[in-house]
Amino acid sequence: MSEAAELKKLVKQLQGTSNPADVVALLNRLKSEFQVSEAILRESKAGLAVGKLRQNASREVADLAKEIVKKWKTQVEKAKLANGSKVHPNGKDRKGSIASPAPGTPMTPMASTTRSAKGDAVKAQTGDITRDKCVELLYDGMAHDSGAPTELILKRAKLLENAVYTNLGGTTGAYKGKIRSLFVNLKDKNNPGLRESVISGDLSAEKLSKMTSAEMASEERQAADKKIREENFHNSLAAGEQQAETDAFQCSRCKQRKCHYRQAQTRSADEPMTTFVTCTNCGNRWKFS
């Protein structure tokens, strides 16, 4: 079995499991058993699969994925230097020929410098100056740390701009605001998974064009925001009427039974009430329905 075929088989296993322990085991194999090249990464799509895991909820998985991406980037850059044909961010090598990765197969970010529409000599050419600038802005958001071909990123940027233009009925204020929001979220250095999903086509332009900033946020950010909302809600309850004291609940942290609790109807009327409990001994908080 060829190196690329073996790597592709392992990537398929990686995409088919969600158990953190299994993912870590597969990542360790990828890290220790394979020497990659640009061609192998393109054929196996390993770069994209591992790149997405950099925002995994498991810190061990995320850190290991980042380490592998960094290692592979170094291997690819060394190979390019050894061959005397280092590929520039615009997809051209030193001889001016166009690099030819498989269509629709973005690489794990390998660019050594920040890319932009200006740097890649990209022109939207929609026939409308405002739309051209918006396409190029979206290109900047997708391309700045990507190693994907210029033509592919431009295609995704055009599809996304066109979806926003169609949804909002022209170059309105809402259209411009949506483009700015998309740019900010696409360029977020803490959310590489969003860029990679758009460039790969896993996330369609039509779907992305209708997503809110909260929906575009990384899993890590969504979890943090949820925790903040729960904290604020719990604090707002504490600021209200005095909570009842009880020894009916045992704190999972300190094992004491000194608690305050309060119940609130947080869902529809036919759903059970939610009970919010605070341990008066250690401050631990939890809730249940």
C-alpha atoms as a PDB file:
ATOM      1  CA  MET A   1       0.000   0.000   0.000  1.00  0.00           C
ATOM      2  CA  SER A   2       1.358   3.441  -0.927  1.00  0.00           C
ATOM      3  CA  GLU A   3       2.117   6.058   1.728  1.00  0.00           C
ATOM      4  CA  ALA A   4      -0.785   8.224   0.536  1.00  0.00           C
ATOM      5  CA  ALA A   5      -3.225   5.292   0.492  1.00  0.00           C
ATOM      6  CA  GLU A   6      -2.199   4.233   3.994  1.00  0.00           C
ATOM      7  CA  LEU A   7      -2.512   7.800   5.232  1.00  0.00           C
ATOM      8  CA  LYS A   8      -5.937   8.124   3.583  1.00  0.00           C
ATOM      9  CA  LYS A   9      -7.096   4.966   5.365  1.00  0.00           C
ATOM     10  CA  LEU A  10      -5.987   6.368   8.709  1.00  0.00           C
ATOM     11  CA  VAL A  11      -7.690   9.709   7.986  1.00  0.00           C
ATOM     12  CA  LYS A  12     -10.949   7.865   7.278  1.00  0.00           C
ATOM     13  CA  GLN A  13     -10.681   6.187  10.692  1.00  0.00           C
ATOM     14  CA  LEU A  14      -9.970   9.568  12.274  1.00  0.00           C
ATOM     15  CA  GLN A  15     -13.077  11.104  10.716  1.00  0.00           C
ATOM     16  CA  GLY A  16     -15.195   8.162  11.821  1.00  0.00           C
ATOM     17  CA  THR A  17     -14.496   8.404  15.550  1.00  0.00           C
ATOM     18  CA  SER A  18     -15.414  10.987  18.172  1.00  0.00           C
ATOM     19  CA  ASN A  19     -13.963   9.266  21.240  1.00  0.00           C
ATOM     20  CA  PRO A  20     -11.087  11.511  22.441  1.00  0.00           C
ATOM     21  CA  ALA A  21      -8.907   8.549  23.460  1.00  0.00           C
ATOM     22  CA  ASP A  22      -9.274   6.937  20.021  1.00  0.00           C
ATOM     23  CA  VAL A  23      -8.627  10.261  18.285  1.00  0.00           C
ATOM     24  CA  VAL A  24      -5.445  10.789  20.316  1.00  0.00           C
ATOM     25  CA  ALA A  25      -4.235   7.275  19.435  1.00  0.00           C
ATOM     26  CA  LEU A  26      -4.780   7.900  15.723  1.00  0.00           C
ATOM     27  CA  LEU A  27      -3.126  11.313  15.896  1.00  0.00           C
ATOM     28  CA  ASN A  28      -0.090   9.808  17.586  1.00  0.00           C
ATOM     29  CA  ARG A  29       0.204   7.345  14.703  1.00  0.00           C
ATOM     30  CA  LEU A  30      -0.030  10.182  12.196  1.00  0.00           C
ATOM     31  CA  LYS A  31       2.649  12.055  14.100  1.00  0.00           C
ATOM     32  CA  SER A  32       5.131   9.207  14.440  1.00  0.00           C
ATOM     33  CA  GLU A  33       4.606   6.974  11.400  1.00  0.00           C
ATOM     34  CA  PHE A  34       4.350   9.350   8.444  1.00  0.00           C
ATOM     35  CA  GLN A  35       6.679  11.651   6.567  1.00  0.00           C
ATOM     36  CA  VAL A  36       4.410  13.780   4.395  1.00  0.00           C
ATOM     37  CA  SER A  37       4.823  15.777   1.220  1.00  0.00           C
ATOM     38  CA  GLU A  38       2.549  18.321  -0.419  1.00  0.00           C
ATOM     39  CA  ALA A  39       1.337  15.700  -2.897  1.00  0.00           C
ATOM     40  CA  ILE A  40       0.563  13.173  -0.148  1.00  0.00           C
ATOM     41  CA  LEU A  41      -1.374  15.755   1.863  1.00  0.00           C
ATOM     42  CA  ARG A  42      -3.399  16.702  -1.198  1.00  0.00           C
ATOM     43  CA  GLU A  43      -4.248  13.123  -2.100  1.00  0.00           C
ATOM     44  CA  SER A  44      -5.080  11.959   1.432  1.00  0.00           C
ATOM     45  CA  LYS A  45      -6.768  15.188   2.663  1.00  0.00           C
ATOM     46  CA  ALA A  46      -4.963  14.555   5.934  1.00  0.00           C
ATOM     47  CA  GLY A  47      -4.077  18.225   6.378  1.00  0.00           C
ATOM     48  CA  LEU A  48      -7.730  19.272   6.364  1.00  0.00           C
ATOM     49  CA  ALA A  49      -8.825  16.460   8.681  1.00  0.00           C
ATOM     50  CA  VAL A  50      -6.138  17.184  11.282  1.00  0.00           C
ATOM     51  CA  GLY A  51      -6.480  20.958  10.899  1.00  0.00           C
ATOM     52  CA  LYS A  52     -10.139  20.817  11.940  1.00  0.00           C
ATOM     53  CA  LEU A  53      -9.177  19.117  15.190  1.00  0.00           C
ATOM     54  CA  ARG A  54      -7.183  22.150  16.368  1.00  0.00           C
ATOM     55  CA  GLN A  55     -10.431  23.508  17.813  1.00  0.00           C
ATOM     56  CA  ASN A  56     -11.566  20.226  19.364  1.00  0.00           C
ATOM     57  CA  ALA A  57     -13.224  20.434  22.773  1.00  0.00           C
ATOM     58  CA  SER A  58     -10.579  18.057  24.149  1.00  0.00           C
ATOM     59  CA  ARG A  59      -7.448  20.061  24.979  1.00  0.00           C
ATOM     60  CA  GLU A  60      -5.252  16.990  24.437  1.00  0.00           C
ATOM     61  CA  VAL A  61      -6.694  16.441  20.946  1.00  0.00           C
ATOM     62  CA  ALA A  62      -6.437  20.128  20.019  1.00  0.00           C
ATOM     63  CA  ASP A  63      -2.824  20.479  21.194  1.00  0.00           C
ATOM     64  CA  LEU A  64      -1.737  17.301  19.427  1.00  0.00           C
ATOM     65  CA  ALA A  65      -3.436  18.389  16.196  1.00  0.00           C
ATOM     66  CA  LYS A  66      -1.636  21.753  16.347  1.00  0.00           C
ATOM     67  CA  GLU A  67       1.675  19.957  16.885  1.00  0.00           C
ATOM     68  CA  ILE A  68       1.107  17.723  13.851  1.00  0.00           C
ATOM     69  CA  VAL A  69       0.097  20.650  11.619  1.00  0.00           C
ATOM     70  CA  LYS A  70       3.271  22.473  12.633  1.00  0.00           C
ATOM     71  CA  LYS A  71       5.399  19.375  11.979  1.00  0.00           C
ATOM     72  CA  TRP A  72       3.845  18.781   8.557  1.00  0.00           C
ATOM     73  CA  LYS A  73       4.251  22.416   7.610  1.00  0.00           C
ATOM     74  CA  THR A  74       7.950  22.185   8.401  1.00  0.00           C
ATOM     75  CA  GLN A  75       8.316  18.977   6.364  1.00  0.00           C
ATOM     76  CA  VAL A  76       6.588  20.478   3.321  1.00  0.00           C
ATOM     77  CA  GLU A  77       8.595  23.707   3.456  1.00  0.00           C
ATOM     78  CA  LYS A  78      11.881  21.776   3.751  1.00  0.00           C
ATOM     79  CA  ALA A  79      10.929  19.629   0.761  1.00  0.00           C
ATOM     80  CA  LYS A  80      10.148  22.717  -1.307  1.00  0.00           C
ATOM     81  CA  LEU A  81      13.466  24.310  -0.404  1.00  0.00           C
ATOM     82  CA  ALA A  82      15.303  21.096  -1.215  1.00  0.00           C
ATOM     83  CA  ASN A  83      13.637  20.985  -4.633  1.00  0.00           C
ATOM     84  CA  GLY A  84      14.475  24.631  -5.255  1.00  0.00           C
ATOM     85  CA  SER A  85      10.856  25.490  -6.036  1.00  0.00           C
ATOM     86  CA  LYS A  86       9.377  27.113  -2.959  1.00  0.00           C
ATOM     87  CA  VAL A  87       5.762  27.911  -3.700  1.00  0.00           C
ATOM     88  CA  HIS A  88       4.683  31.465  -2.980  1.00  0.00           C
ATOM     89  CA  PRO A  89       1.278  32.304  -1.454  1.00  0.00           C
ATOM     90  CA  ASN A  90      -0.201  33.156  -4.877  1.00  0.00           C
ATOM     91  CA  GLY A  91       0.246  29.533  -5.966  1.00  0.00           C
ATOM     92  CA  LYS A  92       3.240  30.141  -8.266  1.00  0.00           C
ATOM     93  CA  ASP A  93       6.686  28.672  -7.894  1.00  0.00           C
ATOM     94  CA  ARG A  94       9.942  30.511  -8.634  1.00  0.00           C
ATOM     95  CA  LYS A  95       9.711  29.607 -12.299  1.00  0.00           C
ATOM     96  CA  GLY A  96       6.280  31.225 -12.527  1.00  0.00           C
ATOM     97  CA  SER A  97       4.336  28.020 -13.140  1.00  0.00           C
ATOM     98  CA  ILE A  98       1.063  27.444 -11.346  1.00  0.00           C
ATOM     99  CA  ALA A  99       1.054  24.818  -8.623  1.00  0.00           C
ATOM    100  CA  SER A 100      -1.690  22.328  -9.343  1.00  0.00           C
ATOM    101  CA  PRO A 101      -3.301  20.857  -6.255  1.00  0.00           C
ATOM    102  CA  ALA A 102      -6.344  18.707  -6.832  1.00  0.00           C
ATOM    103  CA  PRO A 103      -9.450  20.854  -7.438  1.00  0.00           C
ATOM    104  CA  GLY A 104     -11.518  21.371  -4.311  1.00  0.00           C
ATOM    105  CA  THR A 105      -8.823  19.961  -2.040  1.00  0.00           C
ATOM    106  CA  PRO A 106      -7.451  22.724   0.194  1.00  0.00           C
ATOM    107  CA  MET A 107      -4.212  22.189   1.996  1.00  0.00           C
ATOM    108  CA  THR A 108      -3.584  22.582   5.678  1.00  0.00           C
ATOM    109  CA  PRO A 109      -2.313  26.180   6.037  1.00  0.00           C
ATOM    110  CA  MET A 110       1.268  26.125   4.795  1.00  0.00           C
ATOM    111  CA  ALA A 111       1.788  29.742   3.785  1.00  0.00           C
ATOM    112  CA  SER A 112       4.687  31.367   5.596  1.00  0.00           C
ATOM    113  CA  THR A 113       3.342  34.910   5.158  1.00  0.00           C
ATOM    114  CA  THR A 114      -0.086  36.473   5.505  1.00  0.00           C
ATOM    115  CA  ARG A 115      -2.016  36.298   2.269  1.00  0.00           C
ATOM    116  CA  SER A 116      -4.461  38.840   0.881  1.00  0.00           C
ATOM    117  CA  ALA A 117      -6.312  39.636  -2.322  1.00  0.00           C
ATOM    118  CA  LYS A 118      -3.768  42.354  -3.076  1.00  0.00           C
ATOM    119  CA  GLY A 119      -0.785  40.106  -2.401  1.00  0.00           C
ATOM    120  CA  ASP A 120      -2.256  37.286  -4.468  1.00  0.00           C
ATOM    121  CA  ALA A 121      -3.165  39.735  -7.278  1.00  0.00           C
ATOM    122  CA  VAL A 122      -6.834  38.760  -7.033  1.00  0.00           C
ATOM    123  CA  LYS A 123      -9.492  40.746  -8.899  1.00  0.00           C
ATOM    124  CA  ALA A 124     -13.162  39.911  -8.326  1.00  0.00           C
ATOM    125  CA  GLN A 125     -14.455  41.458 -11.572  1.00  0.00           C
ATOM    126  CA  THR A 126     -18.182  41.294 -10.782  1.00  0.00           C
ATOM    127  CA  GLY A 127     -18.863  44.495 -12.710  1.00  0.00           C
ATOM    128  CA  ASP A 128     -19.749  46.392  -9.508  1.00  0.00           C
ATOM    129  CA  ILE A 129     -17.053  48.205  -7.494  1.00  0.00           C
ATOM    130  CA  THR A 130     -18.766  47.640  -4.133  1.00  0.00           C
ATOM    131  CA  ARG A 131     -19.249  43.937  -4.772  1.00  0.00           C
ATOM    132  CA  ASP A 132     -15.666  43.598  -6.012  1.00  0.00           C
ATOM    133  CA  LYS A 133     -14.355  45.067  -2.750  1.00  0.00           C
ATOM    134  CA  CYS A 134     -16.591  42.769  -0.715  1.00  0.00           C
ATOM    135  CA  VAL A 135     -15.452  39.652  -2.606  1.00  0.00           C
ATOM    136  CA  GLU A 136     -11.836  40.669  -2.014  1.00  0.00           C
ATOM    137  CA  LEU A 137     -12.542  41.304   1.685  1.00  0.00           C
ATOM    138  CA  LEU A 138     -13.987  37.815   2.035  1.00  0.00           C
ATOM    139  CA  TYR A 139     -10.963  36.458   0.162  1.00  0.00           C
ATOM    140  CA  ASP A 140      -8.706  38.159   2.730  1.00  0.00           C
ATOM    141  CA  GLY A 141     -10.635  36.486   5.554  1.00  0.00           C
ATOM    142  CA  MET A 142     -10.313  33.021   4.031  1.00  0.00           C
ATOM    143  CA  ALA A 143      -6.802  33.214   2.604  1.00  0.00           C
ATOM    144  CA  HIS A 144      -4.663  34.914   5.243  1.00  0.00           C
ATOM    145  CA  ASP A 145      -3.206  31.700   6.693  1.00  0.00           C
ATOM    146  CA  SER A 146      -4.293  29.179   4.062  1.00  0.00           C
ATOM    147  CA  GLY A 147      -2.199  27.144   1.665  1.00  0.00           C
ATOM    148  CA  ALA A 148      -5.144  26.494  -0.674  1.00  0.00           C
ATOM    149  CA  PRO A 149      -4.936  27.545  -4.351  1.00  0.00           C
ATOM    150  CA  THR A 150      -5.812  31.146  -5.155  1.00  0.00           C
ATOM    151  CA  GLU A 151      -8.446  30.068  -7.683  1.00  0.00           C
ATOM    152  CA  LEU A 152     -10.257  27.892  -5.138  1.00  0.00           C
ATOM    153  CA  ILE A 153     -10.375  30.568  -2.439  1.00  0.00           C
ATOM    154  CA  LEU A 154     -11.573  33.179  -4.949  1.00  0.00           C
ATOM    155  CA  LYS A 155     -14.323  30.806  -6.093  1.00  0.00           C
ATOM    156  CA  ARG A 156     -15.532  30.350  -2.487  1.00  0.00           C
ATOM    157  CA  ALA A 157     -15.383  34.094  -1.824  1.00  0.00           C
ATOM    158  CA  LYS A 158     -17.474  34.823  -4.944  1.00  0.00           C
ATOM    159  CA  LEU A 159     -20.071  32.200  -4.004  1.00  0.00           C
ATOM    160  CA  LEU A 160     -20.342  33.597  -0.480  1.00  0.00           C
ATOM    161  CA  GLU A 161     -20.659  37.215  -1.627  1.00  0.00           C
ATOM    162  CA  ASN A 162     -23.280  36.257  -4.188  1.00  0.00           C
ATOM    163  CA  ALA A 163     -25.305  34.406  -1.547  1.00  0.00           C
ATOM    164  CA  VAL A 164     -25.285  37.472   0.723  1.00  0.00           C
ATOM    165  CA  TYR A 165     -26.122  39.755  -2.218  1.00  0.00           C
ATOM    166  CA  THR A 166     -29.077  37.545  -3.201  1.00  0.00           C
ATOM    167  CA  ASN A 167     -30.367  37.087   0.345  1.00  0.00           C
ATOM    168  CA  LEU A 168     -30.292  40.808   1.192  1.00  0.00           C
ATOM    169  CA  GLY A 169     -31.437  42.187  -2.159  1.00  0.00           C
ATOM    170  CA  GLY A 170     -28.402  44.150  -3.279  1.00  0.00           C
ATOM    171  CA  THR A 171     -25.576  46.231  -1.844  1.00  0.00           C
ATOM    172  CA  THR A 172     -27.651  47.541   1.048  1.00  0.00           C
ATOM    173  CA  GLY A 173     -26.483  48.547   4.501  1.00  0.00           C
ATOM    174  CA  ALA A 174     -27.479  45.103   5.748  1.00  0.00           C
ATOM    175  CA  TYR A 175     -25.409  43.537   2.959  1.00  0.00           C
ATOM    176  CA  LYS A 176     -22.304  45.531   3.927  1.00  0.00           C
ATOM    177  CA  GLY A 177     -22.799  44.737   7.610  1.00  0.00           C
ATOM    178  CA  LYS A 178     -23.103  41.025   6.872  1.00  0.00           C
ATOM    179  CA  ILE A 179     -19.942  41.044   4.751  1.00  0.00           C
ATOM    180  CA  ARG A 180     -18.012  42.738   7.578  1.00  0.00           C
ATOM    181  CA  SER A 181     -19.328  40.187  10.082  1.00  0.00           C
ATOM    182  CA  LEU A 182     -18.308  37.304   7.822  1.00  0.00           C
ATOM    183  CA  PHE A 183     -14.843  38.791   7.332  1.00  0.00           C
ATOM    184  CA  VAL A 184     -14.249  39.178  11.081  1.00  0.00           C
ATOM    185  CA  ASN A 185     -15.354  35.617  11.818  1.00  0.00           C
ATOM    186  CA  LEU A 186     -13.463  34.087   8.895  1.00  0.00           C
ATOM    187  CA  LYS A 187     -10.224  35.831   9.857  1.00  0.00           C
ATOM    188  CA  ASP A 188     -10.489  34.963  13.550  1.00  0.00           C
ATOM    189  CA  LYS A 189      -7.163  33.295  14.374  1.00  0.00           C
ATOM    190  CA  ASN A 190      -8.895  31.210  17.037  1.00  0.00           C
ATOM    191  CA  ASN A 191     -11.366  29.716  14.570  1.00  0.00           C
ATOM    192  CA  PRO A 192      -9.362  28.031  11.758  1.00  0.00           C
ATOM    193  CA  GLY A 193     -11.994  25.328  11.449  1.00  0.00           C
ATOM    194  CA  LEU A 194     -14.476  27.817   9.973  1.00  0.00           C
ATOM    195  CA  ARG A 195     -12.073  28.872   7.202  1.00  0.00           C
ATOM    196  CA  GLU A 196     -11.135  25.299   6.387  1.00  0.00           C
ATOM    197  CA  SER A 197     -14.776  24.177   6.248  1.00  0.00           C
ATOM    198  CA  VAL A 198     -15.659  26.982   3.826  1.00  0.00           C
ATOM    199  CA  ILE A 199     -12.665  26.459   1.547  1.00  0.00           C
ATOM    200  CA  SER A 200     -13.159  22.683   1.462  1.00  0.00           C
ATOM    201  CA  GLY A 201     -16.834  23.082   0.627  1.00  0.00           C
ATOM    202  CA  ASP A 202     -17.956  21.199   3.754  1.00  0.00           C
ATOM    203  CA  LEU A 203     -19.810  24.367   4.774  1.00  0.00           C
ATOM    204  CA  SER A 204     -21.772  25.803   1.848  1.00  0.00           C
ATOM    205  CA  ALA A 205     -21.749  29.491   0.985  1.00  0.00           C
ATOM    206  CA  GLU A 206     -25.547  29.572   1.203  1.00  0.00           C
ATOM    207  CA  LYS A 207     -25.578  28.176   4.736  1.00  0.00           C
ATOM    208  CA  LEU A 208     -22.710  30.386   5.943  1.00  0.00           C
ATOM    209  CA  SER A 209     -24.372  33.498   4.514  1.00  0.00           C
ATOM    210  CA  LYS A 210     -27.312  33.003   6.901  1.00  0.00           C
ATOM    211  CA  MET A 211     -25.356  32.076  10.030  1.00  0.00           C
ATOM    212  CA  THR A 212     -25.081  34.451  12.995  1.00  0.00           C
ATOM    213  CA  SER A 213     -21.775  35.352  14.625  1.00  0.00           C
ATOM    214  CA  ALA A 214     -22.664  33.024  17.509  1.00  0.00           C
ATOM    215  CA  GLU A 215     -23.248  30.138  15.091  1.00  0.00           C
ATOM    216  CA  MET A 216     -19.934  30.825  13.341  1.00  0.00           C
ATOM    217  CA  ALA A 217     -17.969  30.818  16.601  1.00  0.00           C
ATOM    218  CA  SER A 218     -15.637  27.926  17.355  1.00  0.00           C
ATOM    219  CA  GLU A 219     -16.821  25.135  19.647  1.00  0.00           C
ATOM    220  CA  GLU A 220     -14.460  26.477  22.296  1.00  0.00           C
ATOM    221  CA  ARG A 221     -15.968  29.989  22.085  1.00  0.00           C
ATOM    222  CA  GLN A 222     -19.540  28.644  22.082  1.00  0.00           C
ATOM    223  CA  ALA A 223     -18.811  26.633  25.230  1.00  0.00           C
ATOM    224  CA  ALA A 224     -17.281  29.701  26.924  1.00  0.00           C
ATOM    225  CA  ASP A 225     -20.260  31.885  25.951  1.00  0.00           C
ATOM    226  CA  LYS A 226     -22.695  29.277  27.264  1.00  0.00           C
ATOM    227  CA  LYS A 227     -20.864  29.181  30.570  1.00  0.00           C
ATOM    228  CA  ILE A 228     -21.008  32.977  30.833  1.00  0.00           C
ATOM    229  CA  ARG A 229     -24.762  32.999  30.100  1.00  0.00           C
ATOM    230  CA  GLU A 230     -25.376  30.368  32.759  1.00  0.00           C
ATOM    231  CA  GLU A 231     -23.262  32.299  35.266  1.00  0.00           C
ATOM    232  CA  ASN A 232     -25.157  35.521  34.548  1.00  0.00           C
ATOM    233  CA  PHE A 233     -28.502  33.759  34.838  1.00  0.00           C
ATOM    234  CA  HIS A 234     -27.488  32.138  38.107  1.00  0.00           C
ATOM    235  CA  ASN A 235     -26.285  35.503  39.442  1.00  0.00           C
ATOM    236  CA  SER A 236     -29.553  37.151  38.450  1.00  0.00           C
ATOM    237  CA  LEU A 237     -31.418  34.530  40.469  1.00  0.00           C
ATOM    238  CA  ALA A 238     -29.157  35.120  43.443  1.00  0.00           C
ATOM    239  CA  ALA A 239     -29.863  38.845  43.225  1.00  0.00           C
ATOM    240  CA  GLY A 240     -33.612  38.184  43.530  1.00  0.00           C
ATOM    241  CA  GLU A 241     -35.524  36.893  46.502  1.00  0.00           C
ATOM    242  CA  GLN A 242     -33.667  34.889  49.145  1.00  0.00           C
ATOM    243  CA  GLN A 243     -33.112  31.290  48.138  1.00  0.00           C
ATOM    244  CA  ALA A 244     -34.333  28.544  50.415  1.00  0.00           C
ATOM    245  CA  GLU A 245     -31.852  26.616  52.525  1.00  0.00           C
ATOM    246  CA  THR A 246     -31.789  22.827  52.430  1.00  0.00           C
ATOM    247  CA  ASP A 247     -29.724  19.767  53.252  1.00  0.00           C
ATOM    248  CA  ALA A 248     -31.471  17.689  50.582  1.00  0.00           C
ATOM    249  CA  PHE A 249     -28.643  18.091  48.071  1.00  0.00           C
ATOM    250  CA  GLN A 250     -25.035  16.956  48.425  1.00  0.00           C
ATOM    251  CA  CYS A 251     -22.294  19.010  46.790  1.00  0.00           C
ATOM    252  CA  SER A 252     -20.232  16.928  44.374  1.00  0.00           C
ATOM    253  CA  ARG A 253     -17.146  19.025  45.127  1.00  0.00           C
ATOM    254  CA  CYS A 254     -16.942  19.228  48.945  1.00  0.00           C
ATOM    255  CA  LYS A 255     -19.552  16.549  49.813  1.00  0.00           C
ATOM    256  CA  GLN A 256     -21.319  18.908  52.233  1.00  0.00           C
ATOM    257  CA  ARG A 257     -25.100  19.260  52.430  1.00  0.00           C
ATOM    258  CA  LYS A 258     -25.295  22.990  53.191  1.00  0.00           C
ATOM    259  CA  CYS A 259     -27.056  24.466  50.187  1.00  0.00           C
ATOM    260  CA  HIS A 260     -29.347  27.197  48.955  1.00  0.00           C
ATOM    261  CA  TYR A 261     -31.724  26.428  46.120  1.00  0.00           C
ATOM    262  CA  ARG A 262     -34.276  28.127  43.947  1.00  0.00           C
ATOM    263  CA  GLN A 263     -36.594  26.889  41.226  1.00  0.00           C
ATOM    264  CA  ALA A 264     -37.516  28.709  38.032  1.00  0.00           C
ATOM    265  CA  GLN A 265     -39.566  27.951  34.933  1.00  0.00           C
ATOM    266  CA  THR A 266     -36.875  28.307  32.261  1.00  0.00           C
ATOM    267  CA  ARG A 267     -38.673  26.336  29.542  1.00  0.00           C
ATOM    268  CA  SER A 268     -42.260  25.951  28.381  1.00  0.00           C
ATOM    269  CA  ALA A 269     -45.023  25.681  30.996  1.00  0.00           C
ATOM    270  CA  ASP A 270     -45.527  21.952  30.445  1.00  0.00           C
ATOM    271  CA  GLU A 271     -41.854  21.239  31.147  1.00  0.00           C
ATOM    272  CA  PRO A 272     -40.538  20.612  34.697  1.00  0.00           C
ATOM    273  CA  MET A 273     -39.038  23.542  36.570  1.00  0.00           C
ATOM    274  CA  THR A 274     -35.260  23.942  36.721  1.00  0.00           C
ATOM    275  CA  THR A 275     -33.677  23.787  40.173  1.00  0.00           C
ATOM    276  CA  PHE A 276     -30.605  25.937  40.783  1.00  0.00           C
ATOM    277  CA  VAL A 277     -28.430  24.899  43.738  1.00  0.00           C
ATOM    278  CA  THR A 278     -25.508  26.716  45.390  1.00  0.00           C
ATOM    279  CA  CYS A 279     -23.278  25.086  47.984  1.00  0.00           C
ATOM    280  CA  THR A 280     -22.845  27.561  50.851  1.00  0.00           C
ATOM    281  CA  ASN A 281     -19.664  25.796  51.943  1.00  0.00           C
ATOM    282  CA  CYS A 282     -17.524  25.974  48.766  1.00  0.00           C
ATOM    283  CA  GLY A 283     -19.636  28.018  46.347  1.00  0.00           C
ATOM    284  CA  ASN A 284     -20.114  25.214  43.817  1.00  0.00           C
ATOM    285  CA  ARG A 285     -23.182  25.647  41.604  1.00  0.00           C
ATOM    286  CA  TRP A 286     -25.250  23.189  39.600  1.00  0.00           C
ATOM    287  CA  LYS A 287     -28.715  22.818  38.181  1.00  0.00           C
ATOM    288  CA  PHE A 288     -31.141  20.069  37.204  1.00  0.00           C
ATOM    289  CA  SER A 289     -34.674  19.668  35.884  1.00  0.00           C
END
